[in-house]
Amino acid sequence: MLAGILYKVRTDTPWKYIPSVFGSPATLQTYWTRWRKSGFWERAIGALAQEGSTPLRVPPPPEIKLRCLIEPQALLESECHSDGSAARDSPGARPPRPPPPRRARCPIPRCSRS
């Protein structure tokens, strides 16, 4: 319970959005309200203040390693040339589209479809 309440206080998350790992948000809110009315939080903070401060151990940030593989040939065979035209010789290039078929003229004189 305490971990869920401390999570809420630390992140300022609304009660209904607290992760279910901490339990039911309604239960957490009930405990928070009861403990606040009973003076639990004031006593707990007072007791911690009397103990003296202890250095806070902050874990180091995680080391993130990114790997990226770019083949030089792929850069040379890009999809577009500098003038914006598609590369015709590249393996992923599409063939040019054929022109759309012409519609047959309507045999009725003065028809709107002609």
PDB file of N, CA and C in Angstrom:
ATOM      1  N   MET A   1       0.819  -1.194   0.000  1.00  0.00           N
ATOM      2  CA  MET A   1       0.000   0.000   0.000  1.00  0.00           C
ATOM      3  C   MET A   1       0.864   1.260   0.000  1.00  0.00           C
ATOM      4  N   LEU A   2       1.863   1.225   0.850  1.00  0.00           N
ATOM      5  CA  LEU A   2       2.700   2.408   0.997  1.00  0.00           C
ATOM      6  C   LEU A   2       3.401   2.760  -0.314  1.00  0.00           C
ATOM      7  N   ALA A   3       3.859   1.750  -1.045  1.00  0.00           N
ATOM      8  CA  ALA A   3       4.541   2.008  -2.318  1.00  0.00           C
ATOM      9  C   ALA A   3       3.595   2.690  -3.310  1.00  0.00           C
ATOM     10  N   GLY A   4       2.351   2.245  -3.363  1.00  0.00           N
ATOM     11  CA  GLY A   4       1.379   2.857  -4.270  1.00  0.00           C
ATOM     12  C   GLY A   4       1.075   4.296  -3.903  1.00  0.00           C
ATOM     13  N   ILE A   5       0.947   4.565  -2.603  1.00  0.00           N
ATOM     14  CA  ILE A   5       0.671   5.938  -2.157  1.00  0.00           C
ATOM     15  C   ILE A   5       1.871   6.833  -2.436  1.00  0.00           C
ATOM     16  N   LEU A   6       3.074   6.328  -2.175  1.00  0.00           N
ATOM     17  CA  LEU A   6       4.268   7.133  -2.464  1.00  0.00           C
ATOM     18  C   LEU A   6       4.420   7.377  -3.962  1.00  0.00           C
ATOM     19  N   TYR A   7       4.043   6.399  -4.778  1.00  0.00           N
ATOM     20  CA  TYR A   7       4.071   6.585  -6.235  1.00  0.00           C
ATOM     21  C   TYR A   7       3.133   7.717  -6.634  1.00  0.00           C
ATOM     22  N   LYS A   8       1.950   7.726  -6.052  1.00  0.00           N
ATOM     23  CA  LYS A   8       0.957   8.768  -6.370  1.00  0.00           C
ATOM     24  C   LYS A   8       1.474  10.142  -5.979  1.00  0.00           C
ATOM     25  N   VAL A   9       2.051  10.244  -4.789  1.00  0.00           N
ATOM     26  CA  VAL A   9       2.550  11.529  -4.296  1.00  0.00           C
ATOM     27  C   VAL A   9       3.735  11.992  -5.139  1.00  0.00           C
ATOM     28  N   ARG A  10       4.633  11.051  -5.475  1.00  0.00           N
ATOM     29  CA  ARG A  10       5.839  11.410  -6.230  1.00  0.00           C
ATOM     30  C   ARG A  10       5.517  11.847  -7.657  1.00  0.00           C
ATOM     31  N   THR A  11       4.573  11.157  -8.314  1.00  0.00           N
ATOM     32  CA  THR A  11       4.294  11.444  -9.721  1.00  0.00           C
ATOM     33  C   THR A  11       3.114  12.379  -9.928  1.00  0.00           C
ATOM     34  N   ASP A  12       2.360  12.638  -8.870  1.00  0.00           N
ATOM     35  CA  ASP A  12       1.159  13.483  -8.946  1.00  0.00           C
ATOM     36  C   ASP A  12       0.163  12.940  -9.971  1.00  0.00           C
ATOM     37  N   THR A  13       0.073  11.626 -10.025  1.00  0.00           N
ATOM     38  CA  THR A  13      -0.851  10.942 -10.923  1.00  0.00           C
ATOM     39  C   THR A  13      -2.231  10.921 -10.293  1.00  0.00           C
ATOM     40  N   PRO A  14      -3.291  11.122 -11.054  1.00  0.00           N
ATOM     41  CA  PRO A  14      -4.629  10.950 -10.480  1.00  0.00           C
ATOM     42  C   PRO A  14      -4.808   9.522  -9.961  1.00  0.00           C
ATOM     43  N   TRP A  15      -5.611   9.375  -8.922  1.00  0.00           N
ATOM     44  CA  TRP A  15      -5.796   8.064  -8.300  1.00  0.00           C
ATOM     45  C   TRP A  15      -6.191   7.002  -9.316  1.00  0.00           C
ATOM     46  N   LYS A  16      -7.070   7.330 -10.235  1.00  0.00           N
ATOM     47  CA  LYS A  16      -7.589   6.307 -11.153  1.00  0.00           C
ATOM     48  C   LYS A  16      -6.553   5.825 -12.164  1.00  0.00           C
ATOM     49  N   TYR A  17      -5.426   6.540 -12.313  1.00  0.00           N
ATOM     50  CA  TYR A  17      -4.407   6.146 -13.282  1.00  0.00           C
ATOM     51  C   TYR A  17      -3.179   5.486 -12.639  1.00  0.00           C
ATOM     52  N   ILE A  18      -3.267   5.163 -11.367  1.00  0.00           N
ATOM     53  CA  ILE A  18      -2.148   4.487 -10.708  1.00  0.00           C
ATOM     54  C   ILE A  18      -2.067   3.065 -11.251  1.00  0.00           C
ATOM     55  N   PRO A  19      -0.881   2.570 -11.597  1.00  0.00           N
ATOM     56  CA  PRO A  19      -0.756   1.218 -12.149  1.00  0.00           C
ATOM     57  C   PRO A  19      -1.329   0.165 -11.203  1.00  0.00           C
ATOM     58  N   SER A  20      -1.894  -0.871 -11.786  1.00  0.00           N
ATOM     59  CA  SER A  20      -2.541  -1.918 -10.995  1.00  0.00           C
ATOM     60  C   SER A  20      -1.547  -2.732 -10.170  1.00  0.00           C
ATOM     61  N   VAL A  21      -0.257  -2.586 -10.436  1.00  0.00           N
ATOM     62  CA  VAL A  21       0.764  -3.280  -9.652  1.00  0.00           C
ATOM     63  C   VAL A  21       0.664  -2.896  -8.173  1.00  0.00           C
ATOM     64  N   PHE A  22       0.238  -1.670  -7.907  1.00  0.00           N
ATOM     65  CA  PHE A  22       0.158  -1.167  -6.540  1.00  0.00           C
ATOM     66  C   PHE A  22      -1.153  -1.524  -5.853  1.00  0.00           C
ATOM     67  N   GLY A  23      -2.074  -2.123  -6.541  1.00  0.00           N
ATOM     68  CA  GLY A  23      -3.362  -2.467  -5.957  1.00  0.00           C
ATOM     69  C   GLY A  23      -4.465  -1.577  -6.513  1.00  0.00           C
ATOM     70  N   SER A  24      -5.631  -1.707  -5.936  1.00  0.00           N
ATOM     71  CA  SER A  24      -6.785  -0.948  -6.390  1.00  0.00           C
ATOM     72  C   SER A  24      -6.614   0.532  -6.059  1.00  0.00           C
ATOM     73  N   PRO A  25      -6.851   1.422  -7.016  1.00  0.00           N
ATOM     74  CA  PRO A  25      -6.738   2.849  -6.724  1.00  0.00           C
ATOM     75  C   PRO A  25      -7.693   3.298  -5.625  1.00  0.00           C
ATOM     76  N   ALA A  26      -8.886   2.710  -5.567  1.00  0.00           N
ATOM     77  CA  ALA A  26      -9.842   3.090  -4.525  1.00  0.00           C
ATOM     78  C   ALA A  26      -9.311   2.711  -3.144  1.00  0.00           C
ATOM     79  N   THR A  27      -8.684   1.544  -3.042  1.00  0.00           N
ATOM     80  CA  THR A  27      -8.120   1.108  -1.756  1.00  0.00           C
ATOM     81  C   THR A  27      -6.970   2.018  -1.343  1.00  0.00           C
ATOM     82  N   LEU A  28      -6.115   2.354  -2.289  1.00  0.00           N
ATOM     83  CA  LEU A  28      -4.997   3.246  -1.984  1.00  0.00           C
ATOM     84  C   LEU A  28      -5.497   4.600  -1.503  1.00  0.00           C
ATOM     85  N   GLN A  29      -6.519   5.118  -2.167  1.00  0.00           N
ATOM     86  CA  GLN A  29      -7.066   6.415  -1.773  1.00  0.00           C
ATOM     87  C   GLN A  29      -7.703   6.340  -0.391  1.00  0.00           C
ATOM     88  N   THR A  30      -8.352   5.215  -0.072  1.00  0.00           N
ATOM     89  CA  THR A  30      -8.964   5.047   1.244  1.00  0.00           C
ATOM     90  C   THR A  30      -7.891   5.055   2.337  1.00  0.00           C
ATOM     91  N   TYR A  31      -6.807   4.303   2.118  1.00  0.00           N
ATOM     92  CA  TYR A  31      -5.724   4.288   3.096  1.00  0.00           C
ATOM     93  C   TYR A  31      -5.096   5.668   3.249  1.00  0.00           C
ATOM     94  N   TRP A  32      -4.866   6.339   2.127  1.00  0.00           N
ATOM     95  CA  TRP A  32      -4.280   7.685   2.172  1.00  0.00           C
ATOM     96  C   TRP A  32      -5.144   8.617   3.014  1.00  0.00           C
ATOM     97  N   THR A  33      -6.451   8.587   2.802  1.00  0.00           N
ATOM     98  CA  THR A  33      -7.361   9.469   3.531  1.00  0.00           C
ATOM     99  C   THR A  33      -7.378   9.124   5.018  1.00  0.00           C
ATOM    100  N   ARG A  34      -7.456   7.831   5.335  1.00  0.00           N
ATOM    101  CA  ARG A  34      -7.461   7.416   6.750  1.00  0.00           C
ATOM    102  C   ARG A  34      -6.171   7.840   7.451  1.00  0.00           C
ATOM    103  N   TRP A  35      -5.046   7.586   6.805  1.00  0.00           N
ATOM    104  CA  TRP A  35      -3.767   7.901   7.421  1.00  0.00           C
ATOM    105  C   TRP A  35      -3.574   9.414   7.553  1.00  0.00           C
ATOM    106  N   ARG A  36      -4.103  10.170   6.612  1.00  0.00           N
ATOM    107  CA  ARG A  36      -3.991  11.632   6.698  1.00  0.00           C
ATOM    108  C   ARG A  36      -4.816  12.155   7.870  1.00  0.00           C
ATOM    109  N   LYS A  37      -6.042  11.621   8.021  1.00  0.00           N
ATOM    110  CA  LYS A  37      -6.925  12.074   9.113  1.00  0.00           C
ATOM    111  C   LYS A  37      -6.386  11.656  10.482  1.00  0.00           C
ATOM    112  N   SER A  38      -5.709  10.509  10.545  1.00  0.00           N
ATOM    113  CA  SER A  38      -5.199  10.021  11.834  1.00  0.00           C
ATOM    114  C   SER A  38      -3.878  10.684  12.233  1.00  0.00           C
ATOM    115  N   GLY A  39      -3.238  11.426  11.332  1.00  0.00           N
ATOM    116  CA  GLY A  39      -1.978  12.087  11.629  1.00  0.00           C
ATOM    117  C   GLY A  39      -0.767  11.199  11.388  1.00  0.00           C
ATOM    118  N   PHE A  40      -0.970  10.094  10.698  1.00  0.00           N
ATOM    119  CA  PHE A  40       0.125   9.157  10.431  1.00  0.00           C
ATOM    120  C   PHE A  40       1.261   9.825   9.673  1.00  0.00           C
ATOM    121  N   TRP A  41       0.936  10.602   8.660  1.00  0.00           N
ATOM    122  CA  TRP A  41       1.971  11.187   7.806  1.00  0.00           C
ATOM    123  C   TRP A  41       2.820  12.205   8.582  1.00  0.00           C
ATOM    124  N   GLU A  42       2.177  12.992   9.433  1.00  0.00           N
ATOM    125  CA  GLU A  42       2.939  13.965  10.226  1.00  0.00           C
ATOM    126  C   GLU A  42       3.894  13.244  11.179  1.00  0.00           C
ATOM    127  N   ARG A  43       3.407  12.161  11.821  1.00  0.00           N
ATOM    128  CA  ARG A  43       4.258  11.406  12.738  1.00  0.00           C
ATOM    129  C   ARG A  43       5.403  10.729  11.982  1.00  0.00           C
ATOM    130  N   ALA A  44       5.107  10.183  10.827  1.00  0.00           N
ATOM    131  CA  ALA A  44       6.148   9.497  10.047  1.00  0.00           C
ATOM    132  C   ALA A  44       7.226  10.484   9.600  1.00  0.00           C
ATOM    133  N   ILE A  45       6.811  11.636   9.111  1.00  0.00           N
ATOM    134  CA  ILE A  45       7.791  12.629   8.659  1.00  0.00           C
ATOM    135  C   ILE A  45       8.588  13.161   9.844  1.00  0.00           C
ATOM    136  N   GLY A  46       7.916  13.356  10.980  1.00  0.00           N
ATOM    137  CA  GLY A  46       8.621  13.804  12.186  1.00  0.00           C
ATOM    138  C   GLY A  46       9.659  12.794  12.640  1.00  0.00           C
ATOM    139  N   ALA A  47       9.298  11.509  12.612  1.00  0.00           N
ATOM    140  CA  ALA A  47      10.246  10.468  13.016  1.00  0.00           C
ATOM    141  C   ALA A  47      11.422  10.398  12.064  1.00  0.00           C
ATOM    142  N   LEU A  48      11.159  10.532  10.796  1.00  0.00           N
ATOM    143  CA  LEU A  48      12.260  10.513   9.821  1.00  0.00           C
ATOM    144  C   LEU A  48      13.165  11.725   9.989  1.00  0.00           C
ATOM    145  N   ALA A  49      12.598  12.873  10.343  1.00  0.00           N
ATOM    146  CA  ALA A  49      13.397  14.085  10.522  1.00  0.00           C
ATOM    147  C   ALA A  49      14.295  13.962  11.745  1.00  0.00           C
ATOM    148  N   GLN A  50      13.819  13.267  12.795  1.00  0.00           N
ATOM    149  CA  GLN A  50      14.625  13.112  14.003  1.00  0.00           C
ATOM    150  C   GLN A  50      15.805  12.166  13.784  1.00  0.00           C
ATOM    151  N   GLU A  51      15.656  11.225  12.884  1.00  0.00           N
ATOM    152  CA  GLU A  51      16.720  10.264  12.621  1.00  0.00           C
ATOM    153  C   GLU A  51      17.928  10.918  11.967  1.00  0.00           C
ATOM    154  N   GLY A  52      17.752  12.046  11.377  1.00  0.00           N
ATOM    155  CA  GLY A  52      18.843  12.691  10.662  1.00  0.00           C
ATOM    156  C   GLY A  52      18.800  12.296   9.196  1.00  0.00           C
ATOM    157  N   SER A  53      19.477  13.036   8.429  1.00  0.00           N
ATOM    158  CA  SER A  53      19.414  12.768   6.994  1.00  0.00           C
ATOM    159  C   SER A  53      20.419  11.690   6.613  1.00  0.00           C
ATOM    160  N   THR A  54      20.018  10.878   5.704  1.00  0.00           N
ATOM    161  CA  THR A  54      20.905   9.874   5.139  1.00  0.00           C
ATOM    162  C   THR A  54      21.078  10.206   3.672  1.00  0.00           C
ATOM    163  N   PRO A  55      22.258   9.977   3.150  1.00  0.00           N
ATOM    164  CA  PRO A  55      22.450  10.310   1.733  1.00  0.00           C
ATOM    165  C   PRO A  55      21.553   9.446   0.853  1.00  0.00           C
ATOM    166  N   LEU A  56      20.989  10.083  -0.089  1.00  0.00           N
ATOM    167  CA  LEU A  56      20.095   9.405  -1.029  1.00  0.00           C
ATOM    168  C   LEU A  56      20.945   8.752  -2.111  1.00  0.00           C
ATOM    169  N   ARG A  57      20.748   7.464  -2.273  1.00  0.00           N
ATOM    170  CA  ARG A  57      21.490   6.759  -3.318  1.00  0.00           C
ATOM    171  C   ARG A  57      20.705   6.856  -4.618  1.00  0.00           C
ATOM    172  N   VAL A  58      21.267   7.555  -5.553  1.00  0.00           N
ATOM    173  CA  VAL A  58      20.630   7.709  -6.860  1.00  0.00           C
ATOM    174  C   VAL A  58      21.321   6.746  -7.811  1.00  0.00           C
ATOM    175  N   PRO A  59      20.548   5.849  -8.406  1.00  0.00           N
ATOM    176  CA  PRO A  59      21.197   4.918  -9.335  1.00  0.00           C
ATOM    177  C   PRO A  59      21.712   5.663 -10.561  1.00  0.00           C
ATOM    178  N   PRO A  60      22.817   5.201 -11.116  1.00  0.00           N
ATOM    179  CA  PRO A  60      23.332   5.867 -12.324  1.00  0.00           C
ATOM    180  C   PRO A  60      22.360   5.660 -13.482  1.00  0.00           C
ATOM    181  N   PRO A  61      22.348   6.599 -14.415  1.00  0.00           N
ATOM    182  CA  PRO A  61      21.444   6.434 -15.555  1.00  0.00           C
ATOM    183  C   PRO A  61      21.824   5.202 -16.362  1.00  0.00           C
ATOM    184  N   PRO A  62      20.839   4.557 -16.949  1.00  0.00           N
ATOM    185  CA  PRO A  62      21.161   3.355 -17.722  1.00  0.00           C
ATOM    186  C   PRO A  62      22.011   3.701 -18.940  1.00  0.00           C
ATOM    187  N   GLU A  63      22.922   2.805 -19.228  1.00  0.00           N
ATOM    188  CA  GLU A  63      23.787   3.006 -20.388  1.00  0.00           C
ATOM    189  C   GLU A  63      23.066   2.468 -21.621  1.00  0.00           C
ATOM    190  N   ILE A  64      22.868   3.320 -22.570  1.00  0.00           N
ATOM    191  CA  ILE A  64      22.149   2.940 -23.779  1.00  0.00           C
ATOM    192  C   ILE A  64      23.139   2.883 -24.929  1.00  0.00           C
ATOM    193  N   LYS A  65      23.169   1.743 -25.565  1.00  0.00           N
ATOM    194  CA  LYS A  65      24.054   1.580 -26.722  1.00  0.00           C
ATOM    195  C   LYS A  65      23.184   1.339 -27.945  1.00  0.00           C
ATOM    196  N   LEU A  66      23.375   2.144 -28.933  1.00  0.00           N
ATOM    197  CA  LEU A  66      22.636   2.004 -30.182  1.00  0.00           C
ATOM    198  C   LEU A  66      23.578   1.481 -31.252  1.00  0.00           C
ATOM    199  N   ARG A  67      23.081   0.547 -32.004  1.00  0.00           N
ATOM    200  CA  ARG A  67      23.856   0.029 -33.124  1.00  0.00           C
ATOM    201  C   ARG A  67      23.067   0.291 -34.389  1.00  0.00           C
ATOM    202  N   CYS A  68      23.759   0.785 -35.373  1.00  0.00           N
ATOM    203  CA  CYS A  68      23.119   1.081 -36.641  1.00  0.00           C
ATOM    204  C   CYS A  68      24.024   0.569 -37.751  1.00  0.00           C
ATOM    205  N   LEU A  69      23.437  -0.156 -38.651  1.00  0.00           N
ATOM    206  CA  LEU A  69      24.203  -0.705 -39.758  1.00  0.00           C
ATOM    207  C   LEU A  69      23.705  -0.074 -41.047  1.00  0.00           C
ATOM    208  N   ILE A  70      24.549   0.653 -41.705  1.00  0.00           N
ATOM    209  CA  ILE A  70      24.218   1.273 -42.987  1.00  0.00           C
ATOM    210  C   ILE A  70      25.202   0.748 -44.006  1.00  0.00           C
ATOM    211  N   GLU A  71      24.671   0.146 -45.028  1.00  0.00           N
ATOM    212  CA  GLU A  71      25.536  -0.369 -46.076  1.00  0.00           C
ATOM    213  C   GLU A  71      25.836   0.753 -47.059  1.00  0.00           C
ATOM    214  N   PRO A  72      27.110   0.966 -47.390  1.00  0.00           N
ATOM    215  CA  PRO A  72      27.465   2.053 -48.303  1.00  0.00           C
ATOM    216  C   PRO A  72      26.785   1.920 -49.668  1.00  0.00           C
ATOM    217  N   GLN A  73      26.606   0.702 -50.128  1.00  0.00           N
ATOM    218  CA  GLN A  73      25.975   0.514 -51.434  1.00  0.00           C
ATOM    219  C   GLN A  73      24.524   0.983 -51.403  1.00  0.00           C
ATOM    220  N   ALA A  74      23.855   0.800 -50.271  1.00  0.00           N
ATOM    221  CA  ALA A  74      22.466   1.239 -50.148  1.00  0.00           C
ATOM    222  C   ALA A  74      22.371   2.756 -50.240  1.00  0.00           C
ATOM    223  N   LEU A  75      23.377   3.456 -49.726  1.00  0.00           N
ATOM    224  CA  LEU A  75      23.367   4.912 -49.829  1.00  0.00           C
ATOM    225  C   LEU A  75      23.545   5.360 -51.278  1.00  0.00           C
ATOM    226  N   LEU A  76      24.341   4.614 -52.013  1.00  0.00           N
ATOM    227  CA  LEU A  76      24.567   4.977 -53.413  1.00  0.00           C
ATOM    228  C   LEU A  76      23.341   4.682 -54.266  1.00  0.00           C
ATOM    229  N   GLU A  77      22.603   3.653 -53.901  1.00  0.00           N
ATOM    230  CA  GLU A  77      21.419   3.274 -54.669  1.00  0.00           C
ATOM    231  C   GLU A  77      20.158   3.754 -53.967  1.00  0.00           C
ATOM    232  N   SER A  78      20.092   5.017 -53.694  1.00  0.00           N
ATOM    233  CA  SER A  78      18.923   5.537 -52.986  1.00  0.00           C
ATOM    234  C   SER A  78      17.712   5.534 -53.914  1.00  0.00           C
ATOM    235  N   GLU A  79      16.540   5.691 -53.309  1.00  0.00           N
ATOM    236  CA  GLU A  79      15.308   5.621 -54.096  1.00  0.00           C
ATOM    237  C   GLU A  79      15.111   6.842 -54.981  1.00  0.00           C
ATOM    238  N   CYS A  80      15.639   7.974 -54.596  1.00  0.00           N
ATOM    239  CA  CYS A  80      15.436   9.194 -55.386  1.00  0.00           C
ATOM    240  C   CYS A  80      16.786   9.821 -55.726  1.00  0.00           C
ATOM    241  N   HIS A  81      16.845  10.389 -56.868  1.00  0.00           N
ATOM    242  CA  HIS A  81      18.033  11.138 -57.275  1.00  0.00           C
ATOM    243  C   HIS A  81      17.905  12.561 -56.770  1.00  0.00           C
ATOM    244  N   SER A  82      18.940  13.325 -56.900  1.00  0.00           N
ATOM    245  CA  SER A  82      18.915  14.690 -56.398  1.00  0.00           C
ATOM    246  C   SER A  82      17.886  15.550 -57.132  1.00  0.00           C
ATOM    247  N   ASP A  83      17.544  15.193 -58.382  1.00  0.00           N
ATOM    248  CA  ASP A  83      16.552  15.994 -59.116  1.00  0.00           C
ATOM    249  C   ASP A  83      15.121  15.565 -58.792  1.00  0.00           C
ATOM    250  N   GLY A  84      14.934  14.572 -57.892  1.00  0.00           N
ATOM    251  CA  GLY A  84      13.599  14.159 -57.483  1.00  0.00           C
ATOM    252  C   GLY A  84      13.028  13.018 -58.298  1.00  0.00           C
ATOM    253  N   SER A  85      13.691  12.612 -59.368  1.00  0.00           N
ATOM    254  CA  SER A  85      13.159  11.518 -60.176  1.00  0.00           C
ATOM    255  C   SER A  85      13.490  10.192 -59.518  1.00  0.00           C
ATOM    256  N   ALA A  86      12.662   9.198 -59.690  1.00  0.00           N
ATOM    257  CA  ALA A  86      12.883   7.883 -59.073  1.00  0.00           C
ATOM    258  C   ALA A  86      14.072   7.204 -59.736  1.00  0.00           C
ATOM    259  N   ALA A  87      14.812   6.481 -58.941  1.00  0.00           N
ATOM    260  CA  ALA A  87      15.944   5.736 -59.485  1.00  0.00           C
ATOM    261  C   ALA A  87      15.404   4.535 -60.245  1.00  0.00           C
ATOM    262  N   ARG A  88      15.697   4.460 -61.520  1.00  0.00           N
ATOM    263  CA  ARG A  88      15.123   3.392 -62.347  1.00  0.00           C
ATOM    264  C   ARG A  88      15.886   2.079 -62.199  1.00  0.00           C
ATOM    265  N   ASP A  89      17.153   2.145 -61.829  1.00  0.00           N
ATOM    266  CA  ASP A  89      17.968   0.950 -61.774  1.00  0.00           C
ATOM    267  C   ASP A  89      18.028   0.327 -60.377  1.00  0.00           C
ATOM    268  N   SER A  90      17.466   0.993 -59.377  1.00  0.00           N
ATOM    269  CA  SER A  90      17.557   0.427 -58.030  1.00  0.00           C
ATOM    270  C   SER A  90      16.604  -0.751 -57.905  1.00  0.00           C
ATOM    271  N   PRO A  91      16.932  -1.708 -57.050  1.00  0.00           N
ATOM    272  CA  PRO A  91      16.127  -2.931 -56.963  1.00  0.00           C
ATOM    273  C   PRO A  91      14.700  -2.694 -56.483  1.00  0.00           C
ATOM    274  N   GLY A  92      14.453  -1.664 -55.697  1.00  0.00           N
ATOM    275  CA  GLY A  92      13.104  -1.431 -55.182  1.00  0.00           C
ATOM    276  C   GLY A  92      12.291  -0.458 -56.017  1.00  0.00           C
ATOM    277  N   ALA A  93      12.833  -0.003 -57.142  1.00  0.00           N
ATOM    278  CA  ALA A  93      12.127   0.997 -57.937  1.00  0.00           C
ATOM    279  C   ALA A  93      10.922   0.371 -58.633  1.00  0.00           C
ATOM    280  N   ARG A  94       9.856   1.136 -58.700  1.00  0.00           N
ATOM    281  CA  ARG A  94       8.651   0.665 -59.382  1.00  0.00           C
ATOM    282  C   ARG A  94       8.760   0.954 -60.878  1.00  0.00           C
ATOM    283  N   PRO A  95       8.169   0.099 -61.688  1.00  0.00           N
ATOM    284  CA  PRO A  95       8.145   0.419 -63.120  1.00  0.00           C
ATOM    285  C   PRO A  95       7.189   1.588 -63.361  1.00  0.00           C
ATOM    286  N   PRO A  96       7.409   2.331 -64.429  1.00  0.00           N
ATOM    287  CA  PRO A  96       6.518   3.467 -64.690  1.00  0.00           C
ATOM    288  C   PRO A  96       5.091   2.978 -64.940  1.00  0.00           C
ATOM    289  N   ARG A  97       4.133   3.802 -64.527  1.00  0.00           N
ATOM    290  CA  ARG A  97       2.730   3.454 -64.723  1.00  0.00           C
ATOM    291  C   ARG A  97       2.326   3.622 -66.181  1.00  0.00           C
ATOM    292  N   PRO A  98       1.504   2.715 -66.680  1.00  0.00           N
ATOM    293  CA  PRO A  98       0.996   2.917 -68.039  1.00  0.00           C
ATOM    294  C   PRO A  98      -0.048   4.027 -68.017  1.00  0.00           C
ATOM    295  N   PRO A  99      -0.241   4.707 -69.129  1.00  0.00           N
ATOM    296  CA  PRO A  99      -1.246   5.771 -69.160  1.00  0.00           C
ATOM    297  C   PRO A  99      -2.640   5.168 -68.958  1.00  0.00           C
ATOM    298  N   PRO A 100      -3.576   5.933 -68.405  1.00  0.00           N
ATOM    299  CA  PRO A 100      -4.917   5.406 -68.186  1.00  0.00           C
ATOM    300  C   PRO A 100      -5.598   5.105 -69.523  1.00  0.00           C
ATOM    301  N   PRO A 101      -6.473   4.100 -69.564  1.00  0.00           N
ATOM    302  CA  PRO A 101      -7.136   3.777 -70.826  1.00  0.00           C
ATOM    303  C   PRO A 101      -8.072   4.901 -71.247  1.00  0.00           C
ATOM    304  N   ARG A 102      -8.167   5.098 -72.541  1.00  0.00           N
ATOM    305  CA  ARG A 102      -9.046   6.155 -73.057  1.00  0.00           C
ATOM    306  C   ARG A 102     -10.480   5.653 -73.053  1.00  0.00           C
ATOM    307  N   ARG A 103     -11.364   6.535 -72.693  1.00  0.00           N
ATOM    308  CA  ARG A 103     -12.776   6.158 -72.681  1.00  0.00           C
ATOM    309  C   ARG A 103     -13.319   6.201 -74.104  1.00  0.00           C
ATOM    310  N   ALA A 104     -14.180   5.270 -74.364  1.00  0.00           N
ATOM    311  CA  ALA A 104     -14.800   5.241 -75.695  1.00  0.00           C
ATOM    312  C   ALA A 104     -15.790   6.395 -75.804  1.00  0.00           C
ATOM    313  N   ARG A 105     -15.852   6.950 -76.965  1.00  0.00           N
ATOM    314  CA  ARG A 105     -16.787   8.052 -77.181  1.00  0.00           C
ATOM    315  C   ARG A 105     -18.199   7.512 -77.276  1.00  0.00           C
ATOM    316  N   CYS A 106     -19.127   8.254 -76.796  1.00  0.00           N
ATOM    317  CA  CYS A 106     -20.530   7.854 -76.836  1.00  0.00           C
ATOM    318  C   CYS A 106     -21.054   7.989 -78.273  1.00  0.00           C
ATOM    319  N   PRO A 107     -21.750   6.968 -78.783  1.00  0.00           N
ATOM    320  CA  PRO A 107     -22.238   7.044 -80.154  1.00  0.00           C
ATOM    321  C   PRO A 107     -23.405   8.012 -80.338  1.00  0.00           C
ATOM    322  N   ILE A 108     -24.019   8.457 -79.277  1.00  0.00           N
ATOM    323  CA  ILE A 108     -25.172   9.385 -79.396  1.00  0.00           C
ATOM    324  C   ILE A 108     -24.631  10.788 -79.608  1.00  0.00           C
ATOM    325  N   PRO A 109     -25.116  11.461 -80.669  1.00  0.00           N
ATOM    326  CA  PRO A 109     -24.641  12.837 -80.932  1.00  0.00           C
ATOM    327  C   PRO A 109     -25.033  13.767 -79.779  1.00  0.00           C
ATOM    328  N   ARG A 110     -24.171  14.710 -79.469  1.00  0.00           N
ATOM    329  CA  ARG A 110     -24.364  15.714 -78.431  1.00  0.00           C
ATOM    330  C   ARG A 110     -24.577  15.116 -77.049  1.00  0.00           C
ATOM    331  N   CYS A 111     -24.003  13.992 -76.780  1.00  0.00           N
ATOM    332  CA  CYS A 111     -24.091  13.363 -75.458  1.00  0.00           C
ATOM    333  C   CYS A 111     -23.065  14.023 -74.544  1.00  0.00           C
ATOM    334  N   SER A 112     -23.386  14.117 -73.281  1.00  0.00           N
ATOM    335  CA  SER A 112     -22.475  14.783 -72.325  1.00  0.00           C
ATOM    336  C   SER A 112     -21.240  13.932 -72.040  1.00  0.00           C
ATOM    337  N   ARG A 113     -21.245  12.642 -72.377  1.00  0.00           N
ATOM    338  CA  ARG A 113     -20.110  11.766 -72.116  1.00  0.00           C
ATOM    339  C   ARG A 113     -19.072  11.831 -73.221  1.00  0.00           C
ATOM    340  N   SER A 114     -19.309  12.550 -74.246  1.00  0.00           N
ATOM    341  CA  SER A 114     -18.362  12.539 -75.351  1.00  0.00           C
ATOM    342  C   SER A 114     -17.189  13.456 -75.104  1.00  0.00           C
TER     343      SER A 114
END
